[in-house]
Amino acid sequence: MPLKYRNTDERRLLGRKPGPAVWKQIEDVLSNELIAGVYPPGSKLPTEPELMARFSVGRHTLRQTMAGLEARGLVRIEQGRGTFVHDEIVHYRISSRTRFSQNLMDQNRDPAYQVVGSQELLPLDPVRTALNLSDGALVTHIEVNSFAGKVIIATGDVYFPAKRFPDITRVYTELSSTTKTYQYYGIEDYRRRTTRISSRPPTEDEARKLFQPMSRPILITRKIDVDPDGVPISYSETRWCADRVELTVEY
């Protein structure tokens, strides 16, 4: 079945002739359009039937194309919603006074948290050591997703000393702000004592949560916040979608 073309250049690129497979030829056409800004960041691509009709190909061929675009970090496929162009990269500054909300608002983006779950538990040694807790001391573990507008950019685990921050899950959920949560407990200022940064491939669960392919890496930040007296008040491990965030360390 002959391919349907938008113009002469497309006919030249997608003609059935020796060379790249048809799905790869379509991927090249769409990637050029994405890079040229034909589809703005955050916008939704034409539907699967529309693209199948445009290129006169079947569903299997088109899905190979979309998987290729997703693997290159150009689009994200959301089950049941469609395929979206990746938003512009968030430039996230890390310093001793890093503030998530302020970081995003400085870039005219709306910051948001989503508390996924929480529990009070005995911490593992790395968490207990980071928070300088005695044996037997409990922590409140909160799993949280972080958003820039409606786009998820990170998912993480935050640990607070349970004795110092009673009922913190409710407070953190209602205020949706780390700074305001600390202020609720009488801590008017805080700073980041350390940040460690690494990268690795995501797990299947992490890739699903971040709406990214497993072939793309994630960035990991592990940090300790301290109060004005230098006492640790939280430890967190955050997993960032590397295609959507650029980390800048400021001294």
C-alpha atoms as a PDB file:
ATOM      1  CA  MET A   1       0.000   0.000   0.000  1.00  0.00           C
ATOM      2  CA  PRO A   2       1.556   3.339  -0.964  1.00  0.00           C
ATOM      3  CA  LEU A   3       2.335   5.891   1.714  1.00  0.00           C
ATOM      4  CA  LYS A   4       0.356   9.130   1.869  1.00  0.00           C
ATOM      5  CA  TYR A   5       2.519  12.258   1.793  1.00  0.00           C
ATOM      6  CA  ARG A   6       2.022  15.813   2.980  1.00  0.00           C
ATOM      7  CA  ASN A   7       4.471  17.245   0.427  1.00  0.00           C
ATOM      8  CA  THR A   8       7.288  16.345  -2.009  1.00  0.00           C
ATOM      9  CA  ASP A   9       9.937  16.199   0.718  1.00  0.00           C
ATOM     10  CA  GLU A  10       7.835  13.749   2.664  1.00  0.00           C
ATOM     11  CA  ARG A  11       7.382  11.631  -0.471  1.00  0.00           C
ATOM     12  CA  ARG A  12      11.160  11.565  -0.889  1.00  0.00           C
ATOM     13  CA  LEU A  13      11.722  10.622   2.764  1.00  0.00           C
ATOM     14  CA  LEU A  14       9.024   7.976   3.056  1.00  0.00           C
ATOM     15  CA  GLY A  15       9.042   6.293  -0.332  1.00  0.00           C
ATOM     16  CA  ARG A  16       9.214   2.547  -0.135  1.00  0.00           C
ATOM     17  CA  LYS A  17      12.792   2.035  -1.215  1.00  0.00           C
ATOM     18  CA  PRO A  18      15.930   0.399   0.203  1.00  0.00           C
ATOM     19  CA  GLY A  19      17.026   2.114   3.407  1.00  0.00           C
ATOM     20  CA  PRO A  20      15.613   2.637   6.920  1.00  0.00           C
ATOM     21  CA  ALA A  21      12.407   0.860   7.843  1.00  0.00           C
ATOM     22  CA  VAL A  22       9.199   2.819   7.282  1.00  0.00           C
ATOM     23  CA  TRP A  23       8.653   3.384  11.024  1.00  0.00           C
ATOM     24  CA  LYS A  24      12.137   4.890  11.268  1.00  0.00           C
ATOM     25  CA  GLN A  25      11.493   7.161   8.280  1.00  0.00           C
ATOM     26  CA  ILE A  26       8.311   8.407   9.948  1.00  0.00           C
ATOM     27  CA  GLU A  27      10.226   8.918  13.194  1.00  0.00           C
ATOM     28  CA  ASP A  28      12.738  11.111  11.345  1.00  0.00           C
ATOM     29  CA  VAL A  29       9.942  13.224   9.825  1.00  0.00           C
ATOM     30  CA  LEU A  30       8.178  13.721  13.160  1.00  0.00           C
ATOM     31  CA  SER A  31      11.394  14.365  15.109  1.00  0.00           C
ATOM     32  CA  ASN A  32      12.335  17.101  12.632  1.00  0.00           C
ATOM     33  CA  GLU A  33       8.904  18.656  13.145  1.00  0.00           C
ATOM     34  CA  LEU A  34       9.265  18.444  16.936  1.00  0.00           C
ATOM     35  CA  ILE A  35      12.700  20.053  16.872  1.00  0.00           C
ATOM     36  CA  ALA A  36      11.418  22.770  14.535  1.00  0.00           C
ATOM     37  CA  GLY A  37       8.585  23.564  16.966  1.00  0.00           C
ATOM     38  CA  VAL A  38       5.696  22.468  14.758  1.00  0.00           C
ATOM     39  CA  TYR A  39       4.226  20.981  17.935  1.00  0.00           C
ATOM     40  CA  PRO A  40       4.904  23.269  20.956  1.00  0.00           C
ATOM     41  CA  PRO A  41       6.275  21.846  24.253  1.00  0.00           C
ATOM     42  CA  GLY A  42       3.503  20.292  26.312  1.00  0.00           C
ATOM     43  CA  SER A  43       1.104  20.029  23.373  1.00  0.00           C
ATOM     44  CA  LYS A  44      -0.640  16.844  22.350  1.00  0.00           C
ATOM     45  CA  LEU A  45       0.311  15.153  19.087  1.00  0.00           C
ATOM     46  CA  PRO A  46      -2.382  14.168  16.558  1.00  0.00           C
ATOM     47  CA  THR A  47      -4.223  11.006  17.527  1.00  0.00           C
ATOM     48  CA  GLU A  48      -3.072   7.568  16.487  1.00  0.00           C
ATOM     49  CA  PRO A  49      -5.773   7.244  13.771  1.00  0.00           C
ATOM     50  CA  GLU A  50      -4.862  10.684  12.415  1.00  0.00           C
ATOM     51  CA  LEU A  51      -1.176   9.797  12.137  1.00  0.00           C
ATOM     52  CA  MET A  52      -1.991   6.398  10.649  1.00  0.00           C
ATOM     53  CA  ALA A  53      -4.056   8.155   8.001  1.00  0.00           C
ATOM     54  CA  ARG A  54      -1.390  10.782   7.351  1.00  0.00           C
ATOM     55  CA  PHE A  55       1.337   8.215   6.690  1.00  0.00           C
ATOM     56  CA  SER A  56      -0.920   5.393   5.424  1.00  0.00           C
ATOM     57  CA  VAL A  57       0.548   2.867   7.847  1.00  0.00           C
ATOM     58  CA  GLY A  58      -0.843   0.412  10.348  1.00  0.00           C
ATOM     59  CA  ARG A  59      -1.015   0.671  14.114  1.00  0.00           C
ATOM     60  CA  HIS A  60       2.035  -1.575  14.687  1.00  0.00           C
ATOM     61  CA  THR A  61       4.273   0.588  12.464  1.00  0.00           C
ATOM     62  CA  LEU A  62       3.099   3.806  14.095  1.00  0.00           C
ATOM     63  CA  ARG A  63       3.628   2.456  17.607  1.00  0.00           C
ATOM     64  CA  GLN A  64       7.193   1.531  16.684  1.00  0.00           C
ATOM     65  CA  THR A  65       7.638   5.154  15.609  1.00  0.00           C
ATOM     66  CA  MET A  66       6.209   6.526  18.848  1.00  0.00           C
ATOM     67  CA  ALA A  67       8.346   4.181  20.940  1.00  0.00           C
ATOM     68  CA  GLY A  68      11.395   5.509  19.094  1.00  0.00           C
ATOM     69  CA  LEU A  69      10.419   9.134  19.732  1.00  0.00           C
ATOM     70  CA  GLU A  70       9.785   8.375  23.404  1.00  0.00           C
ATOM     71  CA  ALA A  71      13.151   6.616  23.744  1.00  0.00           C
ATOM     72  CA  ARG A  72      14.814   9.775  22.385  1.00  0.00           C
ATOM     73  CA  GLY A  73      13.058  11.851  25.031  1.00  0.00           C
ATOM     74  CA  LEU A  74      11.071  13.876  22.489  1.00  0.00           C
ATOM     75  CA  VAL A  75       7.602  12.791  23.602  1.00  0.00           C
ATOM     76  CA  ARG A  76       5.897  11.081  26.505  1.00  0.00           C
ATOM     77  CA  ILE A  77       3.111   8.546  26.030  1.00  0.00           C
ATOM     78  CA  GLU A  78       0.389   8.693  28.681  1.00  0.00           C
ATOM     79  CA  GLN A  79      -1.854   5.641  28.698  1.00  0.00           C
ATOM     80  CA  GLY A  80      -5.403   6.603  27.901  1.00  0.00           C
ATOM     81  CA  ARG A  81      -4.561  10.264  27.247  1.00  0.00           C
ATOM     82  CA  GLY A  82      -2.335  10.321  24.194  1.00  0.00           C
ATOM     83  CA  THR A  83       1.188  11.391  23.216  1.00  0.00           C
ATOM     84  CA  PHE A  84       2.578  14.718  24.381  1.00  0.00           C
ATOM     85  CA  VAL A  85       5.616  16.782  23.427  1.00  0.00           C
ATOM     86  CA  HIS A  86       8.081  17.041  26.282  1.00  0.00           C
ATOM     87  CA  ASP A  87       7.979  20.395  28.022  1.00  0.00           C
ATOM     88  CA  GLU A  88      10.999  22.661  28.094  1.00  0.00           C
ATOM     89  CA  ILE A  89      13.635  21.660  30.632  1.00  0.00           C
ATOM     90  CA  VAL A  90      13.276  22.923  34.198  1.00  0.00           C
ATOM     91  CA  HIS A  91      16.515  24.528  35.386  1.00  0.00           C
ATOM     92  CA  TYR A  92      16.715  23.534  39.042  1.00  0.00           C
ATOM     93  CA  ARG A  93      19.234  25.349  41.229  1.00  0.00           C
ATOM     94  CA  ILE A  94      20.811  23.515  44.163  1.00  0.00           C
ATOM     95  CA  SER A  95      22.398  25.614  46.898  1.00  0.00           C
ATOM     96  CA  SER A  96      22.395  25.857  50.682  1.00  0.00           C
ATOM     97  CA  ARG A  97      19.050  27.669  50.427  1.00  0.00           C
ATOM     98  CA  THR A  98      17.309  25.644  47.739  1.00  0.00           C
ATOM     99  CA  ARG A  99      13.522  26.115  47.698  1.00  0.00           C
ATOM    100  CA  PHE A 100      11.495  23.956  45.291  1.00  0.00           C
ATOM    101  CA  SER A 101       8.581  26.364  44.900  1.00  0.00           C
ATOM    102  CA  GLN A 102      10.766  29.418  44.406  1.00  0.00           C
ATOM    103  CA  ASN A 103      12.914  27.566  41.874  1.00  0.00           C
ATOM    104  CA  LEU A 104       9.883  26.939  39.698  1.00  0.00           C
ATOM    105  CA  MET A 105       8.135  30.264  40.209  1.00  0.00           C
ATOM    106  CA  ASP A 106      11.313  32.027  39.070  1.00  0.00           C
ATOM    107  CA  GLN A 107      10.751  30.260  35.723  1.00  0.00           C
ATOM    108  CA  ASN A 108       7.042  31.155  35.581  1.00  0.00           C
ATOM    109  CA  ARG A 109       6.040  27.591  36.393  1.00  0.00           C
ATOM    110  CA  ASP A 110       3.475  26.471  38.923  1.00  0.00           C
ATOM    111  CA  PRO A 111       5.003  24.210  41.612  1.00  0.00           C
ATOM    112  CA  ALA A 112       2.899  21.440  43.111  1.00  0.00           C
ATOM    113  CA  TYR A 113       3.284  18.443  45.422  1.00  0.00           C
ATOM    114  CA  GLN A 114       1.242  15.265  45.544  1.00  0.00           C
ATOM    115  CA  VAL A 115       1.507  13.110  48.647  1.00  0.00           C
ATOM    116  CA  VAL A 116       1.267   9.502  47.493  1.00  0.00           C
ATOM    117  CA  GLY A 117       1.513   7.807  50.870  1.00  0.00           C
ATOM    118  CA  SER A 118       3.104   7.916  54.308  1.00  0.00           C
ATOM    119  CA  GLN A 119       3.966   5.751  57.279  1.00  0.00           C
ATOM    120  CA  GLU A 120       5.737   5.948  60.618  1.00  0.00           C
ATOM    121  CA  LEU A 121       8.586   3.457  60.894  1.00  0.00           C
ATOM    122  CA  LEU A 122      12.001   2.582  62.215  1.00  0.00           C
ATOM    123  CA  PRO A 123      14.506   4.029  59.721  1.00  0.00           C
ATOM    124  CA  LEU A 124      17.229   2.104  57.972  1.00  0.00           C
ATOM    125  CA  ASP A 125      20.785   2.971  59.015  1.00  0.00           C
ATOM    126  CA  PRO A 126      21.481   5.521  56.223  1.00  0.00           C
ATOM    127  CA  VAL A 127      18.373   7.512  57.168  1.00  0.00           C
ATOM    128  CA  ARG A 128      18.982   7.204  60.919  1.00  0.00           C
ATOM    129  CA  THR A 129      22.591   8.352  60.498  1.00  0.00           C
ATOM    130  CA  ALA A 130      21.622  11.273  58.241  1.00  0.00           C
ATOM    131  CA  LEU A 131      19.088  12.489  60.810  1.00  0.00           C
ATOM    132  CA  ASN A 132      21.409  11.773  63.752  1.00  0.00           C
ATOM    133  CA  LEU A 133      18.733   9.746  65.526  1.00  0.00           C
ATOM    134  CA  SER A 134      19.183   7.363  68.428  1.00  0.00           C
ATOM    135  CA  ASP A 135      18.359   3.670  68.112  1.00  0.00           C
ATOM    136  CA  GLY A 136      14.619   3.122  68.309  1.00  0.00           C
ATOM    137  CA  ALA A 137      13.661   6.640  67.223  1.00  0.00           C
ATOM    138  CA  LEU A 138      10.890   6.684  64.622  1.00  0.00           C
ATOM    139  CA  VAL A 139      10.633   8.687  61.414  1.00  0.00           C
ATOM    140  CA  THR A 140       7.670   9.689  59.297  1.00  0.00           C
ATOM    141  CA  HIS A 141       8.254   8.612  55.710  1.00  0.00           C
ATOM    142  CA  ILE A 142       6.299  10.554  53.086  1.00  0.00           C
ATOM    143  CA  GLU A 143       6.294   9.557  49.416  1.00  0.00           C
ATOM    144  CA  VAL A 144       5.722  12.607  47.257  1.00  0.00           C
ATOM    145  CA  ASN A 145       5.511  13.519  43.569  1.00  0.00           C
ATOM    146  CA  SER A 146       6.698  16.947  42.412  1.00  0.00           C
ATOM    147  CA  PHE A 147       5.208  18.816  39.468  1.00  0.00           C
ATOM    148  CA  ALA A 148       5.987  21.774  37.229  1.00  0.00           C
ATOM    149  CA  GLY A 149       2.494  22.774  36.229  1.00  0.00           C
ATOM    150  CA  LYS A 150       0.774  19.524  35.276  1.00  0.00           C
ATOM    151  CA  VAL A 151       4.014  17.764  34.322  1.00  0.00           C
ATOM    152  CA  ILE A 152       5.617  15.441  36.851  1.00  0.00           C
ATOM    153  CA  ILE A 153       9.353  16.057  37.147  1.00  0.00           C
ATOM    154  CA  ALA A 154      10.307  14.027  40.205  1.00  0.00           C
ATOM    155  CA  THR A 155       9.195  11.429  42.702  1.00  0.00           C
ATOM    156  CA  GLY A 156      10.813  11.029  46.074  1.00  0.00           C
ATOM    157  CA  ASP A 157      10.913   9.822  49.671  1.00  0.00           C
ATOM    158  CA  VAL A 158      11.193  12.313  52.537  1.00  0.00           C
ATOM    159  CA  TYR A 159      11.952  11.325  56.130  1.00  0.00           C
ATOM    160  CA  PHE A 160      11.207  13.527  59.162  1.00  0.00           C
ATOM    161  CA  PRO A 161      11.961  12.798  62.838  1.00  0.00           C
ATOM    162  CA  ALA A 162       8.521  11.697  64.073  1.00  0.00           C
ATOM    163  CA  LYS A 163       8.948  13.047  67.607  1.00  0.00           C
ATOM    164  CA  ARG A 164       9.826  16.570  66.435  1.00  0.00           C
ATOM    165  CA  PHE A 165       7.113  16.689  63.749  1.00  0.00           C
ATOM    166  CA  PRO A 166       3.923  15.029  65.037  1.00  0.00           C
ATOM    167  CA  ASP A 167       1.071  14.779  62.502  1.00  0.00           C
ATOM    168  CA  ILE A 168       3.393  16.043  59.756  1.00  0.00           C
ATOM    169  CA  THR A 169       1.698  14.098  56.955  1.00  0.00           C
ATOM    170  CA  ARG A 170      -1.507  16.095  57.428  1.00  0.00           C
ATOM    171  CA  VAL A 171       0.363  19.391  57.703  1.00  0.00           C
ATOM    172  CA  TYR A 172       2.590  18.694  54.697  1.00  0.00           C
ATOM    173  CA  THR A 173      -0.398  17.610  52.594  1.00  0.00           C
ATOM    174  CA  GLU A 174      -2.492  20.662  53.490  1.00  0.00           C
ATOM    175  CA  LEU A 175       0.286  23.237  53.055  1.00  0.00           C
ATOM    176  CA  SER A 176       1.930  21.605  49.992  1.00  0.00           C
ATOM    177  CA  SER A 177       5.175  23.393  50.856  1.00  0.00           C
ATOM    178  CA  THR A 178       8.286  22.302  52.738  1.00  0.00           C
ATOM    179  CA  THR A 179       9.051  25.853  53.896  1.00  0.00           C
ATOM    180  CA  LYS A 180       5.513  26.431  55.213  1.00  0.00           C
ATOM    181  CA  THR A 181       5.555  23.035  56.901  1.00  0.00           C
ATOM    182  CA  TYR A 182       8.723  23.903  58.804  1.00  0.00           C
ATOM    183  CA  GLN A 183       7.236  27.273  59.752  1.00  0.00           C
ATOM    184  CA  TYR A 184       4.168  25.511  61.136  1.00  0.00           C
ATOM    185  CA  TYR A 185       6.504  23.753  63.561  1.00  0.00           C
ATOM    186  CA  GLY A 186       8.288  26.982  64.513  1.00  0.00           C
ATOM    187  CA  ILE A 187      11.288  26.653  62.190  1.00  0.00           C
ATOM    188  CA  GLU A 188      11.457  29.987  60.368  1.00  0.00           C
ATOM    189  CA  ASP A 189      14.599  29.230  58.389  1.00  0.00           C
ATOM    190  CA  TYR A 190      16.543  26.185  57.260  1.00  0.00           C
ATOM    191  CA  ARG A 191      19.366  25.301  54.925  1.00  0.00           C
ATOM    192  CA  ARG A 192      20.591  22.343  52.954  1.00  0.00           C
ATOM    193  CA  ARG A 193      23.652  20.814  54.556  1.00  0.00           C
ATOM    194  CA  THR A 194      24.595  18.291  51.872  1.00  0.00           C
ATOM    195  CA  THR A 195      23.450  17.103  48.454  1.00  0.00           C
ATOM    196  CA  ARG A 196      24.697  14.005  46.666  1.00  0.00           C
ATOM    197  CA  ILE A 197      23.874  13.543  42.984  1.00  0.00           C
ATOM    198  CA  SER A 198      24.010  10.337  40.950  1.00  0.00           C
ATOM    199  CA  SER A 199      22.245   8.716  37.992  1.00  0.00           C
ATOM    200  CA  ARG A 200      21.053   5.271  36.944  1.00  0.00           C
ATOM    201  CA  PRO A 201      18.405   3.591  34.772  1.00  0.00           C
ATOM    202  CA  PRO A 202      14.914   3.750  36.310  1.00  0.00           C
ATOM    203  CA  THR A 203      13.064   0.769  37.648  1.00  0.00           C
ATOM    204  CA  GLU A 204       9.850  -0.174  35.877  1.00  0.00           C
ATOM    205  CA  ASP A 205       7.849   1.454  38.686  1.00  0.00           C
ATOM    206  CA  GLU A 206       9.892   4.677  38.546  1.00  0.00           C
ATOM    207  CA  ALA A 207       9.561   4.916  34.761  1.00  0.00           C
ATOM    208  CA  ARG A 208       5.801   4.452  35.081  1.00  0.00           C
ATOM    209  CA  LYS A 209       5.478   7.153  37.742  1.00  0.00           C
ATOM    210  CA  LEU A 210       7.605   9.612  35.763  1.00  0.00           C
ATOM    211  CA  PHE A 211       5.938   8.798  32.415  1.00  0.00           C
ATOM    212  CA  GLN A 212       9.281   8.108  30.775  1.00  0.00           C
ATOM    213  CA  PRO A 213      10.849   5.182  28.891  1.00  0.00           C
ATOM    214  CA  MET A 214      13.049   2.791  30.841  1.00  0.00           C
ATOM    215  CA  SER A 215      15.827   3.425  28.310  1.00  0.00           C
ATOM    216  CA  ARG A 216      16.299   6.990  29.627  1.00  0.00           C
ATOM    217  CA  PRO A 217      18.248   7.611  32.860  1.00  0.00           C
ATOM    218  CA  ILE A 218      17.008   9.333  35.995  1.00  0.00           C
ATOM    219  CA  LEU A 219      18.930  11.680  38.277  1.00  0.00           C
ATOM    220  CA  ILE A 220      19.069  10.953  42.011  1.00  0.00           C
ATOM    221  CA  THR A 221      19.571  13.617  44.670  1.00  0.00           C
ATOM    222  CA  ARG A 222      20.030  12.746  48.347  1.00  0.00           C
ATOM    223  CA  LYS A 223      19.922  15.709  50.705  1.00  0.00           C
ATOM    224  CA  ILE A 224      19.862  16.678  54.371  1.00  0.00           C
ATOM    225  CA  ASP A 225      18.093  19.809  55.628  1.00  0.00           C
ATOM    226  CA  VAL A 226      19.115  21.348  58.951  1.00  0.00           C
ATOM    227  CA  ASP A 227      17.600  24.024  61.204  1.00  0.00           C
ATOM    228  CA  PRO A 228      19.463  27.255  62.192  1.00  0.00           C
ATOM    229  CA  ASP A 229      21.268  25.305  64.938  1.00  0.00           C
ATOM    230  CA  GLY A 230      22.539  22.733  62.461  1.00  0.00           C
ATOM    231  CA  VAL A 231      20.239  19.956  63.683  1.00  0.00           C
ATOM    232  CA  PRO A 232      19.001  17.658  60.877  1.00  0.00           C
ATOM    233  CA  ILE A 233      15.254  18.038  60.265  1.00  0.00           C
ATOM    234  CA  SER A 234      14.760  15.949  57.121  1.00  0.00           C
ATOM    235  CA  TYR A 235      16.477  13.535  54.788  1.00  0.00           C
ATOM    236  CA  SER A 236      15.208  12.867  51.284  1.00  0.00           C
ATOM    237  CA  GLU A 237      15.976  10.877  48.173  1.00  0.00           C
ATOM    238  CA  THR A 238      14.478  12.371  45.007  1.00  0.00           C
ATOM    239  CA  ARG A 239      14.388  10.741  41.576  1.00  0.00           C
ATOM    240  CA  TRP A 240      14.244  13.265  38.722  1.00  0.00           C
ATOM    241  CA  CYS A 241      13.321  12.741  35.075  1.00  0.00           C
ATOM    242  CA  ALA A 242      16.632  13.653  33.437  1.00  0.00           C
ATOM    243  CA  ASP A 243      14.898  14.670  30.203  1.00  0.00           C
ATOM    244  CA  ARG A 244      12.908  17.364  32.008  1.00  0.00           C
ATOM    245  CA  VAL A 245      15.331  18.739  34.571  1.00  0.00           C
ATOM    246  CA  GLU A 246      18.794  20.270  34.542  1.00  0.00           C
ATOM    247  CA  LEU A 247      20.458  20.478  37.957  1.00  0.00           C
ATOM    248  CA  THR A 248      22.766  23.425  38.620  1.00  0.00           C
ATOM    249  CA  VAL A 249      24.894  23.448  41.770  1.00  0.00           C
ATOM    250  CA  GLU A 250      25.524  26.972  43.103  1.00  0.00           C
ATOM    251  CA  TYR A 251      28.238  27.858  45.598  1.00  0.00           C
END
